[in-house]
N, C-alpha and C. Protein backbone atom coordinates (compact mmCIF):
# COMPACT_ATOMS: atom_id res chain seq x y z
N GLY A 1 129.79 42.84 -23.92
CA GLY A 1 131.48 42.54 -23.81
C GLY A 1 131.87 42.58 -22.54
N ASN A 2 133.07 42.39 -22.00
CA ASN A 2 133.68 42.72 -20.60
C ASN A 2 134.00 43.65 -20.22
N GLN A 3 134.06 44.82 -21.23
CA GLN A 3 134.32 46.09 -20.50
C GLN A 3 132.89 46.58 -19.80
N LEU A 4 131.73 45.95 -20.06
CA LEU A 4 130.31 46.36 -19.83
C LEU A 4 129.87 45.91 -18.52
N LYS A 5 128.94 46.48 -17.30
CA LYS A 5 128.50 45.71 -16.40
C LYS A 5 127.52 46.36 -15.98
N ILE A 6 126.30 45.13 -15.89
CA ILE A 6 124.78 45.91 -15.87
C ILE A 6 124.83 46.02 -14.29
N SER A 7 124.72 47.21 -13.82
CA SER A 7 124.64 47.82 -12.70
C SER A 7 123.00 48.28 -12.07
N LYS A 8 122.24 48.26 -12.99
CA LYS A 8 120.84 49.18 -12.37
C LYS A 8 119.91 48.36 -13.83
N ILE A 9 118.61 47.85 -13.62
CA ILE A 9 117.61 47.99 -14.18
C ILE A 9 116.33 49.01 -13.55
N ASP A 10 116.16 49.62 -14.64
CA ASP A 10 114.99 50.59 -13.93
C ASP A 10 113.65 50.18 -14.11
N LEU A 11 113.47 49.41 -15.08
CA LEU A 11 112.34 48.71 -15.42
C LEU A 11 112.17 47.52 -15.04
N ASP A 12 111.83 46.90 -13.90
CA ASP A 12 111.59 45.91 -13.43
C ASP A 12 110.11 44.74 -13.52
N THR A 13 109.34 45.68 -14.12
CA THR A 13 108.25 44.68 -14.35
C THR A 13 107.95 45.04 -16.08
N LEU A 14 107.21 43.66 -16.79
CA LEU A 14 106.80 44.03 -18.12
C LEU A 14 105.29 43.29 -17.88
N HIS A 15 104.43 44.16 -18.38
CA HIS A 15 102.84 44.10 -18.40
C HIS A 15 102.70 43.13 -19.73
N PHE A 16 101.88 42.04 -19.70
CA PHE A 16 101.12 41.58 -20.86
C PHE A 16 99.38 41.63 -20.40
N TYR A 17 98.88 41.93 -21.60
CA TYR A 17 97.74 42.30 -21.99
C TYR A 17 97.05 40.82 -22.15
N PHE A 18 96.36 40.39 -22.18
CA PHE A 18 95.63 39.10 -22.57
C PHE A 18 93.92 39.31 -22.95
N ASP A 19 93.63 38.60 -24.15
CA ASP A 19 92.47 39.10 -24.31
C ASP A 19 91.77 37.50 -24.69
N LYS A 20 90.39 37.35 -25.05
CA LYS A 20 89.86 36.36 -25.52
C LYS A 20 90.49 36.27 -27.36
N LYS A 21 90.70 34.75 -27.36
CA LYS A 21 90.92 34.93 -28.96
C LYS A 21 89.97 34.45 -29.88
N ILE A 22 89.23 35.16 -30.73
CA ILE A 22 88.35 34.67 -31.50
C ILE A 22 88.53 34.41 -32.89
N THR A 23 87.56 33.76 -33.44
CA THR A 23 87.29 33.67 -35.43
C THR A 23 86.21 34.72 -35.82
N LYS A 24 86.48 35.39 -37.24
CA LYS A 24 85.38 35.79 -37.31
C LYS A 24 85.54 35.93 -38.85
N VAL A 25 84.47 35.63 -39.32
CA VAL A 25 84.33 35.87 -41.07
C VAL A 25 84.05 37.39 -41.66
N VAL A 26 84.56 38.27 -42.24
CA VAL A 26 84.13 39.23 -42.53
C VAL A 26 84.44 39.54 -44.17
N PRO A 27 83.33 39.84 -44.57
CA PRO A 27 83.29 40.67 -46.13
C PRO A 27 84.26 41.27 -46.80
N VAL A 28 84.76 41.18 -48.13
CA VAL A 28 85.51 42.00 -48.60
C VAL A 28 84.92 43.05 -49.92
N ARG A 29 85.09 44.45 -49.45
CA ARG A 29 84.39 45.42 -50.25
C ARG A 29 85.37 45.92 -51.31
N LEU A 30 85.01 45.68 -52.67
CA LEU A 30 85.87 45.77 -53.70
C LEU A 30 85.52 47.30 -54.03
N ASN A 31 86.98 48.03 -54.39
CA ASN A 31 87.30 49.54 -54.48
C ASN A 31 87.53 49.35 -56.13
N LEU A 32 86.38 49.52 -57.17
CA LEU A 32 86.42 49.32 -58.24
C LEU A 32 86.17 50.71 -59.32
N ASN A 33 87.11 51.31 -60.08
CA ASN A 33 86.64 51.78 -61.17
C ASN A 33 86.73 51.31 -62.77
N TYR A 34 85.86 51.33 -63.40
CA TYR A 34 86.03 50.67 -64.74
C TYR A 34 85.45 51.52 -66.06
N GLU A 35 85.90 51.29 -67.20
CA GLU A 35 85.26 51.81 -68.25
C GLU A 35 85.63 51.21 -69.72
N PHE A 36 84.59 50.77 -70.17
CA PHE A 36 84.75 49.84 -71.20
C PHE A 36 84.88 50.51 -72.75
N GLU A 37 85.83 49.89 -74.07
CA GLU A 37 85.44 49.92 -75.12
C GLU A 37 84.34 50.01 -75.53
N LYS A 38 84.37 51.12 -76.75
CA LYS A 38 82.94 51.16 -77.53
C LYS A 38 82.21 50.00 -78.07
N GLN A 39 80.74 49.74 -77.33
CA GLN A 39 80.26 48.65 -77.61
C GLN A 39 80.72 47.24 -76.81
N PHE A 40 81.92 47.44 -76.02
CA PHE A 40 81.83 46.35 -74.80
C PHE A 40 80.88 46.70 -73.52
N GLN A 41 80.30 45.64 -72.72
CA GLN A 41 79.82 46.07 -71.51
C GLN A 41 80.18 44.72 -70.73
N LEU A 42 79.58 44.63 -69.46
CA LEU A 42 79.90 43.71 -68.51
C LEU A 42 79.09 42.26 -69.04
N SER A 43 79.25 41.22 -69.29
CA SER A 43 78.61 40.33 -69.51
C SER A 43 77.76 39.27 -68.39
N GLY A 44 78.42 39.62 -67.35
CA GLY A 44 78.01 39.02 -65.91
C GLY A 44 78.25 39.46 -64.80
N LYS A 45 78.20 39.36 -63.51
CA LYS A 45 78.66 39.59 -62.32
C LYS A 45 80.02 39.74 -62.49
N ILE A 46 80.41 40.65 -61.58
CA ILE A 46 82.15 40.66 -61.34
C ILE A 46 82.18 39.64 -59.99
N GLU A 47 82.96 39.07 -60.30
CA GLU A 47 83.30 38.04 -59.39
C GLU A 47 84.66 38.44 -58.31
N LEU A 48 84.80 38.12 -57.09
CA LEU A 48 85.65 38.44 -55.93
C LEU A 48 85.83 37.05 -55.03
N LYS A 49 87.19 36.63 -55.21
CA LYS A 49 87.52 35.40 -54.62
C LYS A 49 88.58 35.70 -53.88
N PRO A 50 88.51 35.05 -52.57
CA PRO A 50 87.57 34.77 -51.55
C PRO A 50 86.97 36.38 -51.50
N SER A 51 85.46 36.15 -51.47
CA SER A 51 84.71 37.40 -51.00
C SER A 51 84.33 37.41 -49.55
N LYS A 52 84.91 36.48 -48.74
CA LYS A 52 84.92 36.75 -47.20
C LYS A 52 86.25 36.51 -46.80
N ILE A 53 86.67 37.04 -45.73
CA ILE A 53 88.30 36.59 -45.01
C ILE A 53 87.97 36.33 -43.53
N VAL A 54 88.77 34.82 -43.55
CA VAL A 54 88.33 34.23 -41.79
C VAL A 54 89.69 35.15 -41.17
N LEU A 55 89.39 35.48 -40.12
CA LEU A 55 90.08 36.42 -39.33
C LEU A 55 90.34 35.79 -38.03
N SER A 56 91.51 36.04 -37.38
CA SER A 56 91.50 35.08 -36.18
C SER A 56 92.56 36.33 -35.09
N GLY A 57 91.90 36.49 -34.04
CA GLY A 57 92.83 37.30 -33.05
C GLY A 57 91.89 37.85 -31.93
N PRO A 58 92.52 38.77 -31.15
CA PRO A 58 91.49 39.38 -29.83
C PRO A 58 90.72 39.80 -30.30
N ALA A 59 89.44 39.45 -29.34
CA ALA A 59 88.19 39.99 -29.78
C ALA A 59 87.85 41.51 -29.23
N SER A 60 89.06 41.94 -28.47
CA SER A 60 88.67 43.55 -28.30
C SER A 60 89.06 44.22 -29.46
N VAL A 61 89.71 43.79 -30.52
CA VAL A 61 90.39 44.34 -31.59
C VAL A 61 89.42 44.15 -32.79
N MET A 62 88.84 43.14 -32.92
CA MET A 62 87.88 42.38 -33.72
C MET A 62 86.22 42.97 -33.58
N GLN A 63 86.01 43.67 -32.69
CA GLN A 63 84.45 43.41 -32.43
C GLN A 63 83.74 44.47 -33.33
N ASN A 64 84.42 45.50 -33.45
CA ASN A 64 84.18 46.49 -34.43
C ASN A 64 84.29 46.39 -35.82
N LEU A 65 85.41 45.47 -36.31
CA LEU A 65 85.42 45.37 -37.78
C LEU A 65 84.28 44.57 -38.32
N GLU A 66 83.77 45.32 -39.33
CA GLU A 66 82.80 44.79 -40.01
C GLU A 66 83.11 44.40 -41.84
N GLU A 67 83.96 45.01 -42.18
CA GLU A 67 84.57 44.61 -43.73
C GLU A 67 85.92 45.12 -43.47
N LEU A 68 86.50 44.52 -44.96
CA LEU A 68 87.99 45.06 -45.56
C LEU A 68 87.79 45.11 -46.76
N ASN A 69 88.75 46.59 -46.65
CA ASN A 69 88.35 46.96 -48.01
C ASN A 69 89.30 46.67 -49.15
N THR A 70 89.51 46.32 -50.44
CA THR A 70 90.75 46.40 -51.25
C THR A 70 91.42 47.30 -52.13
N GLN A 71 92.78 47.42 -52.04
CA GLN A 71 93.28 48.75 -53.00
C GLN A 71 92.24 49.06 -54.10
N GLN A 72 92.31 50.28 -54.38
CA GLN A 72 91.98 50.73 -55.45
C GLN A 72 92.30 50.48 -57.03
N LEU A 73 91.50 50.05 -57.60
CA LEU A 73 91.67 49.36 -58.91
C LEU A 73 90.89 50.15 -60.16
N ASN A 74 91.72 50.52 -60.75
CA ASN A 74 91.03 51.56 -61.78
C ASN A 74 91.39 50.69 -63.36
N PHE A 75 90.59 50.54 -64.66
CA PHE A 75 90.42 50.02 -65.71
C PHE A 75 90.23 50.83 -66.68
N THR A 76 90.64 51.09 -68.46
CA THR A 76 90.02 52.03 -68.95
C THR A 76 90.48 51.26 -70.23
N GLY A 77 89.15 51.13 -71.07
CA GLY A 77 89.31 50.69 -72.59
C GLY A 77 89.21 49.18 -72.64
N LEU A 78 88.00 48.37 -71.26
CA LEU A 78 88.01 47.07 -71.25
C LEU A 78 87.20 46.45 -72.53
N ASN A 79 88.42 45.39 -73.06
CA ASN A 79 87.42 44.65 -74.23
C ASN A 79 87.53 43.43 -74.43
N LYS A 80 87.79 42.70 -73.13
CA LYS A 80 88.01 41.44 -72.72
C LYS A 80 88.10 40.91 -71.55
N THR A 81 87.55 39.79 -70.99
CA THR A 81 87.40 39.76 -69.44
C THR A 81 89.14 39.48 -69.24
N ILE A 82 88.80 40.03 -68.46
CA ILE A 82 90.30 40.13 -67.09
C ILE A 82 90.24 39.50 -65.68
N SER A 83 91.05 39.10 -65.13
CA SER A 83 91.42 38.90 -63.91
C SER A 83 92.56 39.34 -63.25
N ARG A 84 92.50 40.06 -62.01
CA ARG A 84 93.38 40.62 -61.39
C ARG A 84 93.44 40.57 -59.67
N ALA A 85 95.16 40.52 -59.33
CA ALA A 85 94.95 40.29 -58.00
C ALA A 85 94.82 41.80 -57.31
N ALA A 86 94.24 41.64 -55.87
CA ALA A 86 94.19 43.17 -55.24
C ALA A 86 94.32 42.61 -53.80
N ASP A 87 95.63 43.37 -53.59
CA ASP A 87 96.09 43.49 -51.84
C ASP A 87 94.48 44.29 -51.10
N LEU A 88 94.45 43.64 -50.05
CA LEU A 88 94.10 43.96 -48.99
C LEU A 88 94.37 45.36 -48.03
N ILE A 89 93.52 46.36 -48.05
CA ILE A 89 94.30 47.62 -47.08
C ILE A 89 94.33 46.81 -45.40
N ILE A 90 95.01 46.80 -44.74
CA ILE A 90 95.27 46.65 -43.47
C ILE A 90 95.63 47.32 -42.49
N PRO A 91 94.77 48.22 -41.87
CA PRO A 91 95.07 49.00 -40.98
C PRO A 91 96.32 48.52 -39.99
N ALA A 92 97.07 49.61 -39.29
CA ALA A 92 98.16 49.60 -38.70
C ALA A 92 97.71 48.43 -36.97
N ASP A 93 96.43 49.04 -36.77
CA ASP A 93 95.57 48.10 -35.75
C ASP A 93 95.35 47.29 -35.68
N LEU A 94 95.55 46.52 -36.84
CA LEU A 94 95.01 45.29 -37.02
C LEU A 94 96.14 44.47 -37.11
N ASN A 95 97.83 44.44 -37.00
CA ASN A 95 98.65 43.81 -37.01
C ASN A 95 98.58 42.43 -36.48
N SER A 96 97.91 42.48 -34.83
CA SER A 96 97.85 41.47 -34.13
C SER A 96 96.93 40.36 -34.92
N ILE A 97 96.19 40.38 -36.16
CA ILE A 97 95.48 39.74 -36.42
C ILE A 97 95.93 38.78 -37.56
N ASP A 98 95.42 37.41 -37.09
CA ASP A 98 95.94 36.52 -38.83
C ASP A 98 94.80 36.32 -39.52
N PHE A 99 95.22 36.61 -40.99
CA PHE A 99 94.54 36.85 -41.90
C PHE A 99 94.31 35.63 -42.77
N SER A 100 93.65 35.03 -43.28
CA SER A 100 93.61 33.41 -44.07
C SER A 100 94.02 33.92 -45.62
N THR A 101 94.05 35.20 -45.74
CA THR A 101 94.80 35.67 -47.10
C THR A 101 94.44 37.02 -46.76
N LYS A 102 95.94 37.95 -47.76
CA LYS A 102 95.72 39.10 -47.72
C LYS A 102 95.45 39.81 -49.03
N LYS A 103 95.26 39.13 -49.69
CA LYS A 103 94.98 39.21 -51.48
C LYS A 103 93.84 38.27 -51.81
N VAL A 104 92.91 39.05 -52.74
CA VAL A 104 91.99 38.46 -53.58
C VAL A 104 91.86 38.87 -55.25
N VAL A 105 91.41 37.93 -55.99
CA VAL A 105 91.39 38.03 -56.98
C VAL A 105 89.85 38.50 -58.03
N VAL A 106 90.11 39.65 -58.66
CA VAL A 106 89.03 39.93 -58.96
C VAL A 106 88.88 39.83 -60.90
N LYS A 107 87.59 39.17 -60.94
CA LYS A 107 87.09 38.66 -62.36
C LYS A 107 86.31 39.44 -62.85
N ILE A 108 86.67 40.31 -64.14
CA ILE A 108 85.62 41.22 -64.61
C ILE A 108 85.14 40.50 -65.94
N PRO A 109 84.03 40.12 -66.33
CA PRO A 109 83.73 39.23 -67.45
C PRO A 109 82.92 40.49 -68.52
N VAL A 110 83.95 40.49 -69.50
CA VAL A 110 83.57 41.25 -70.32
C VAL A 110 83.26 40.81 -71.92
N GLU A 111 82.31 41.40 -72.69
CA GLU A 111 81.85 40.90 -74.00
C GLU A 111 81.66 42.13 -74.96
N LYS A 112 81.77 41.66 -76.26
CA LYS A 112 81.35 42.51 -76.98
C LYS A 112 79.73 42.27 -77.27
N PHE A 113 78.72 43.58 -77.08
CA PHE A 113 77.63 43.47 -77.54
C PHE A 113 76.89 44.08 -78.86
N THR A 114 75.90 43.48 -79.28
CA THR A 114 75.69 43.90 -80.51
C THR A 114 73.76 44.18 -80.53
N GLU A 115 73.04 44.99 -81.42
CA GLU A 115 72.06 44.96 -81.31
C GLU A 115 70.83 44.25 -82.03
N GLY A 116 69.81 43.80 -81.31
CA GLY A 116 68.80 42.59 -82.10
C GLY A 116 67.41 43.41 -82.03
N THR A 117 66.79 43.01 -83.20
CA THR A 117 65.63 43.62 -83.07
C THR A 117 64.67 42.21 -83.33
N LEU A 118 63.24 42.53 -82.70
CA LEU A 118 62.29 41.53 -82.90
C LEU A 118 61.07 41.75 -82.99
N GLU A 119 59.81 41.24 -83.34
CA GLU A 119 58.36 41.98 -83.69
C GLU A 119 57.48 41.04 -82.88
N LEU A 120 56.71 41.66 -82.02
CA LEU A 120 56.26 40.91 -80.89
C LEU A 120 55.14 40.82 -80.86
N PRO A 121 54.02 39.73 -80.69
CA PRO A 121 52.56 40.00 -80.58
C PRO A 121 52.06 41.06 -79.29
N VAL A 122 51.04 41.80 -79.62
CA VAL A 122 50.29 42.23 -78.45
C VAL A 122 49.32 41.61 -77.78
N GLU A 123 49.50 41.51 -76.38
CA GLU A 123 48.34 40.54 -75.76
C GLU A 123 47.53 41.53 -74.82
N VAL A 124 46.48 41.68 -74.57
CA VAL A 124 45.40 42.31 -74.07
C VAL A 124 44.77 41.47 -73.03
N LEU A 125 44.78 42.32 -71.92
CA LEU A 125 44.28 41.50 -70.71
C LEU A 125 43.12 42.37 -70.43
N ASN A 126 42.01 41.63 -69.78
CA ASN A 126 40.83 42.15 -69.09
C ASN A 126 39.59 42.81 -70.22
N VAL A 127 39.59 41.96 -71.49
CA VAL A 127 39.11 42.67 -72.59
C VAL A 127 37.37 41.30 -72.17
N PRO A 128 36.42 41.83 -72.15
CA PRO A 128 34.99 41.22 -71.39
C PRO A 128 35.00 40.03 -72.42
N GLU A 129 34.26 38.91 -72.18
CA GLU A 129 34.18 37.57 -72.84
C GLU A 129 33.48 38.21 -74.13
N GLN A 130 32.17 39.35 -73.93
CA GLN A 130 31.48 39.27 -74.92
C GLN A 130 31.79 40.13 -75.98
N TYR A 131 33.40 40.36 -76.00
CA TYR A 131 34.19 41.20 -76.99
C TYR A 131 34.99 40.69 -77.63
N GLN A 132 35.71 40.93 -79.27
CA GLN A 132 36.78 40.33 -79.31
C GLN A 132 37.69 42.26 -79.84
N LEU A 133 38.96 42.13 -79.39
CA LEU A 133 39.77 43.40 -79.49
C LEU A 133 40.94 43.19 -80.35
N LYS A 134 41.07 43.80 -81.20
CA LYS A 134 42.26 43.63 -82.16
C LYS A 134 43.31 45.26 -82.05
N THR A 135 44.21 44.89 -81.95
CA THR A 135 45.19 46.19 -81.83
C THR A 135 45.61 46.70 -83.21
N PHE A 136 46.10 47.72 -83.73
CA PHE A 136 46.76 48.14 -84.67
C PHE A 136 48.16 49.15 -84.31
N PRO A 137 49.06 48.63 -84.40
CA PRO A 137 49.19 47.60 -85.31
C PRO A 137 49.16 46.12 -84.13
N SER A 138 49.04 44.81 -85.00
CA SER A 138 48.89 43.76 -83.94
C SER A 138 50.38 43.10 -83.41
N LYS A 139 51.54 43.63 -84.08
CA LYS A 139 52.77 43.27 -83.62
C LYS A 139 53.80 44.33 -83.21
N VAL A 140 54.49 44.59 -82.44
CA VAL A 140 55.43 45.80 -82.33
C VAL A 140 56.91 45.46 -82.09
N LYS A 141 57.80 46.19 -82.95
CA LYS A 141 58.94 45.96 -82.94
C LYS A 141 59.80 46.26 -81.72
N ILE A 142 60.52 45.74 -81.22
CA ILE A 142 61.38 46.04 -79.81
C ILE A 142 63.00 45.73 -80.32
N THR A 143 63.74 46.80 -79.66
CA THR A 143 65.22 46.59 -80.26
C THR A 143 66.04 46.38 -78.69
N TYR A 144 66.99 45.52 -78.70
CA TYR A 144 67.92 45.45 -77.40
C TYR A 144 69.26 44.84 -77.26
N LEU A 145 70.21 45.16 -76.55
CA LEU A 145 71.40 44.90 -76.76
C LEU A 145 71.74 43.30 -76.21
N VAL A 146 72.43 42.76 -76.88
CA VAL A 146 73.01 41.10 -76.30
C VAL A 146 74.32 41.01 -76.79
N GLY A 147 74.95 40.13 -75.79
CA GLY A 147 76.30 40.17 -75.97
C GLY A 147 76.25 38.95 -76.95
N LEU A 148 77.41 38.78 -77.96
CA LEU A 148 77.71 38.38 -79.47
C LEU A 148 77.46 36.60 -79.21
N SER A 149 77.91 36.21 -78.09
CA SER A 149 77.89 34.64 -77.77
C SER A 149 76.47 34.24 -77.21
N ASN A 150 75.43 34.94 -77.35
CA ASN A 150 74.45 35.16 -76.66
C ASN A 150 73.15 35.19 -77.58
N TYR A 151 73.43 36.05 -78.74
CA TYR A 151 72.68 36.52 -79.69
C TYR A 151 71.69 35.25 -80.74
N LYS A 152 72.47 34.08 -80.55
CA LYS A 152 71.07 33.37 -80.99
C LYS A 152 70.41 32.37 -80.33
N LYS A 153 70.91 32.78 -79.12
CA LYS A 153 69.76 32.31 -78.16
C LYS A 153 68.29 32.77 -77.81
N VAL A 154 68.11 34.29 -78.10
CA VAL A 154 67.44 34.88 -78.04
C VAL A 154 66.21 34.65 -78.95
N SER A 155 64.74 34.42 -78.73
CA SER A 155 63.65 34.31 -79.11
C SER A 155 62.64 34.88 -79.00
N ALA A 156 61.57 35.28 -79.84
CA ALA A 156 60.27 36.00 -79.37
C ALA A 156 59.58 35.61 -78.28
N ASP A 157 59.57 34.10 -77.99
CA ASP A 157 58.74 33.46 -77.12
C ASP A 157 59.48 33.79 -75.52
N GLN A 158 60.47 34.27 -75.54
CA GLN A 158 61.07 34.61 -73.98
C GLN A 158 60.68 36.11 -73.58
N PHE A 159 59.54 36.68 -74.49
CA PHE A 159 59.41 38.18 -74.37
C PHE A 159 57.81 37.97 -74.10
N SER A 160 57.46 39.47 -73.47
CA SER A 160 55.97 39.20 -73.29
C SER A 160 55.41 40.75 -73.25
N LEU A 161 54.75 41.06 -74.17
CA LEU A 161 54.23 42.73 -74.62
C LEU A 161 52.92 42.38 -73.97
N LEU A 162 52.31 43.32 -73.24
CA LEU A 162 50.91 43.03 -72.59
C LEU A 162 50.53 44.53 -72.81
N ALA A 163 48.79 44.53 -73.02
CA ALA A 163 48.02 46.07 -72.81
C ALA A 163 47.06 45.72 -71.84
N TYR A 164 46.37 46.22 -71.48
CA TYR A 164 45.22 46.28 -70.28
C TYR A 164 44.26 47.23 -70.98
N TYR A 165 43.19 46.74 -70.83
CA TYR A 165 42.25 47.24 -71.25
C TYR A 165 41.14 47.82 -70.35
N ASP A 166 40.55 49.06 -70.07
CA ASP A 166 39.91 49.51 -69.19
C ASP A 166 38.64 49.38 -69.66
N ALA A 167 37.39 48.57 -69.57
CA ALA A 167 36.08 48.45 -69.62
C ALA A 167 35.51 49.64 -69.11
N ASN A 168 35.67 50.64 -68.07
CA ASN A 168 35.11 51.82 -67.47
C ASN A 168 35.56 53.43 -68.45
N ASP A 169 36.74 53.05 -69.19
CA ASP A 169 37.15 53.99 -70.03
C ASP A 169 36.40 54.26 -71.47
N GLU A 170 35.23 54.12 -71.68
CA GLU A 170 34.70 54.24 -73.01
C GLU A 170 35.23 55.06 -73.95
N GLN A 171 35.88 56.47 -73.69
CA GLN A 171 36.38 57.33 -74.42
C GLN A 171 37.89 56.64 -75.26
N ALA A 172 38.37 55.70 -74.46
CA ALA A 172 40.23 55.40 -74.78
C ALA A 172 39.68 54.64 -76.23
N SER A 173 40.84 55.29 -77.09
CA SER A 173 41.11 54.68 -78.39
C SER A 173 42.15 53.81 -78.56
N SER A 174 43.52 53.75 -77.32
CA SER A 174 44.42 53.47 -77.67
C SER A 174 44.69 52.67 -76.12
N LEU A 175 45.68 51.63 -76.20
CA LEU A 175 46.22 50.82 -75.15
C LEU A 175 47.74 51.09 -74.69
N LYS A 176 48.24 51.35 -73.77
CA LYS A 176 49.47 51.34 -73.32
C LYS A 176 50.46 49.93 -73.12
N LEU A 177 51.09 50.06 -73.71
CA LEU A 177 52.24 48.53 -73.93
C LEU A 177 52.93 48.68 -72.46
N LYS A 178 53.19 47.36 -72.13
CA LYS A 178 54.35 47.15 -71.28
C LYS A 178 54.99 45.92 -71.50
N LEU A 179 56.47 46.12 -71.50
CA LEU A 179 57.02 44.57 -71.83
C LEU A 179 56.93 43.99 -70.01
N VAL A 180 56.75 42.95 -69.96
CA VAL A 180 56.47 42.26 -68.64
C VAL A 180 57.26 41.24 -68.42
N LYS A 181 57.94 40.75 -69.52
CA LYS A 181 59.04 39.78 -69.41
C LYS A 181 59.98 39.78 -70.62
N PHE A 182 61.50 39.57 -70.12
CA PHE A 182 62.44 39.52 -71.24
C PHE A 182 63.47 38.72 -70.36
N PRO A 183 64.34 38.22 -71.35
CA PRO A 183 65.23 37.19 -70.74
C PRO A 183 66.48 38.08 -70.48
N GLU A 184 67.32 37.44 -69.30
CA GLU A 184 68.39 37.91 -68.30
C GLU A 184 69.75 38.37 -69.53
N ILE A 185 69.48 37.45 -70.46
CA ILE A 185 70.83 37.94 -71.37
C ILE A 185 70.83 39.19 -72.14
N VAL A 186 69.75 40.01 -72.30
CA VAL A 186 69.20 41.00 -72.52
C VAL A 186 69.15 42.19 -72.09
N ARG A 187 69.34 43.31 -72.42
CA ARG A 187 69.32 44.66 -71.59
C ARG A 187 69.44 45.69 -72.59
N GLN A 188 68.87 47.06 -72.05
CA GLN A 188 68.18 48.35 -72.80
C GLN A 188 67.19 47.91 -73.54
N VAL A 189 66.38 47.21 -73.25
CA VAL A 189 65.26 46.64 -74.30
C VAL A 189 64.08 47.69 -74.43
N LYS A 190 64.00 48.57 -76.18
CA LYS A 190 62.98 49.70 -75.72
C LYS A 190 62.30 49.11 -76.96
N ILE A 191 60.89 49.51 -76.86
CA ILE A 191 59.85 49.19 -77.42
C ILE A 191 59.39 50.40 -78.68
N GLU A 192 59.19 50.34 -79.58
CA GLU A 192 59.21 51.35 -80.70
C GLU A 192 58.22 52.14 -80.55
N THR A 193 56.82 51.85 -79.96
CA THR A 193 56.01 52.52 -79.96
C THR A 193 55.42 52.44 -78.26
N GLU A 194 54.86 53.38 -77.65
CA GLU A 194 54.17 53.04 -76.31
C GLU A 194 52.84 52.60 -76.22
N ASN A 195 52.06 53.11 -77.53
CA ASN A 195 50.70 52.83 -77.18
C ASN A 195 50.36 52.61 -78.67
N VAL A 196 49.23 51.37 -78.38
CA VAL A 196 48.58 50.84 -79.95
C VAL A 196 47.06 51.11 -79.83
N GLU A 197 46.52 51.43 -81.00
CA GLU A 197 45.34 51.60 -80.91
C GLU A 197 44.74 50.15 -81.31
N PHE A 198 43.23 50.48 -81.37
CA PHE A 198 42.29 49.23 -81.02
C PHE A 198 41.03 49.67 -81.61
């Protein structure tokens, strides 16, 4: 106002710090804890959109920045697929940086699982041409878990149960079984018996 008069300014210089502006793509690290309701499990990979953030700002600020973290998300009793927004944790020293987004969306695919059973034939490898080898039993039961939506898609030809015959071990009377192939849609596959006689 008219009652004030500037008689002196102590600070007569403003210092500006210049730096090269760069663009950098940084992955997002998801901080997540979750628990399922009984009989429910993940039915696929947890999705993060976007999984990478584009940053723009001073090179000196971003040179040591390797990833960005989300806020902590906690879920219990999951029994269906959910999607949630999560804020990025942005430290105060990154205030001079422009972010393509400061939020990400987390999708957790959840499905009810059930137990399935199959009987698989035992295939034996390394049997000499002059021999015929029969295993007892010739088929072995397996159990597995599968999502309800995929239950009818599982068949015996998607599995392979092998045993290896060692011609050098004349005292052997049994063969160890190994499940070498099974579809991605099943999990926790268990073989009823680990060995068969021959």
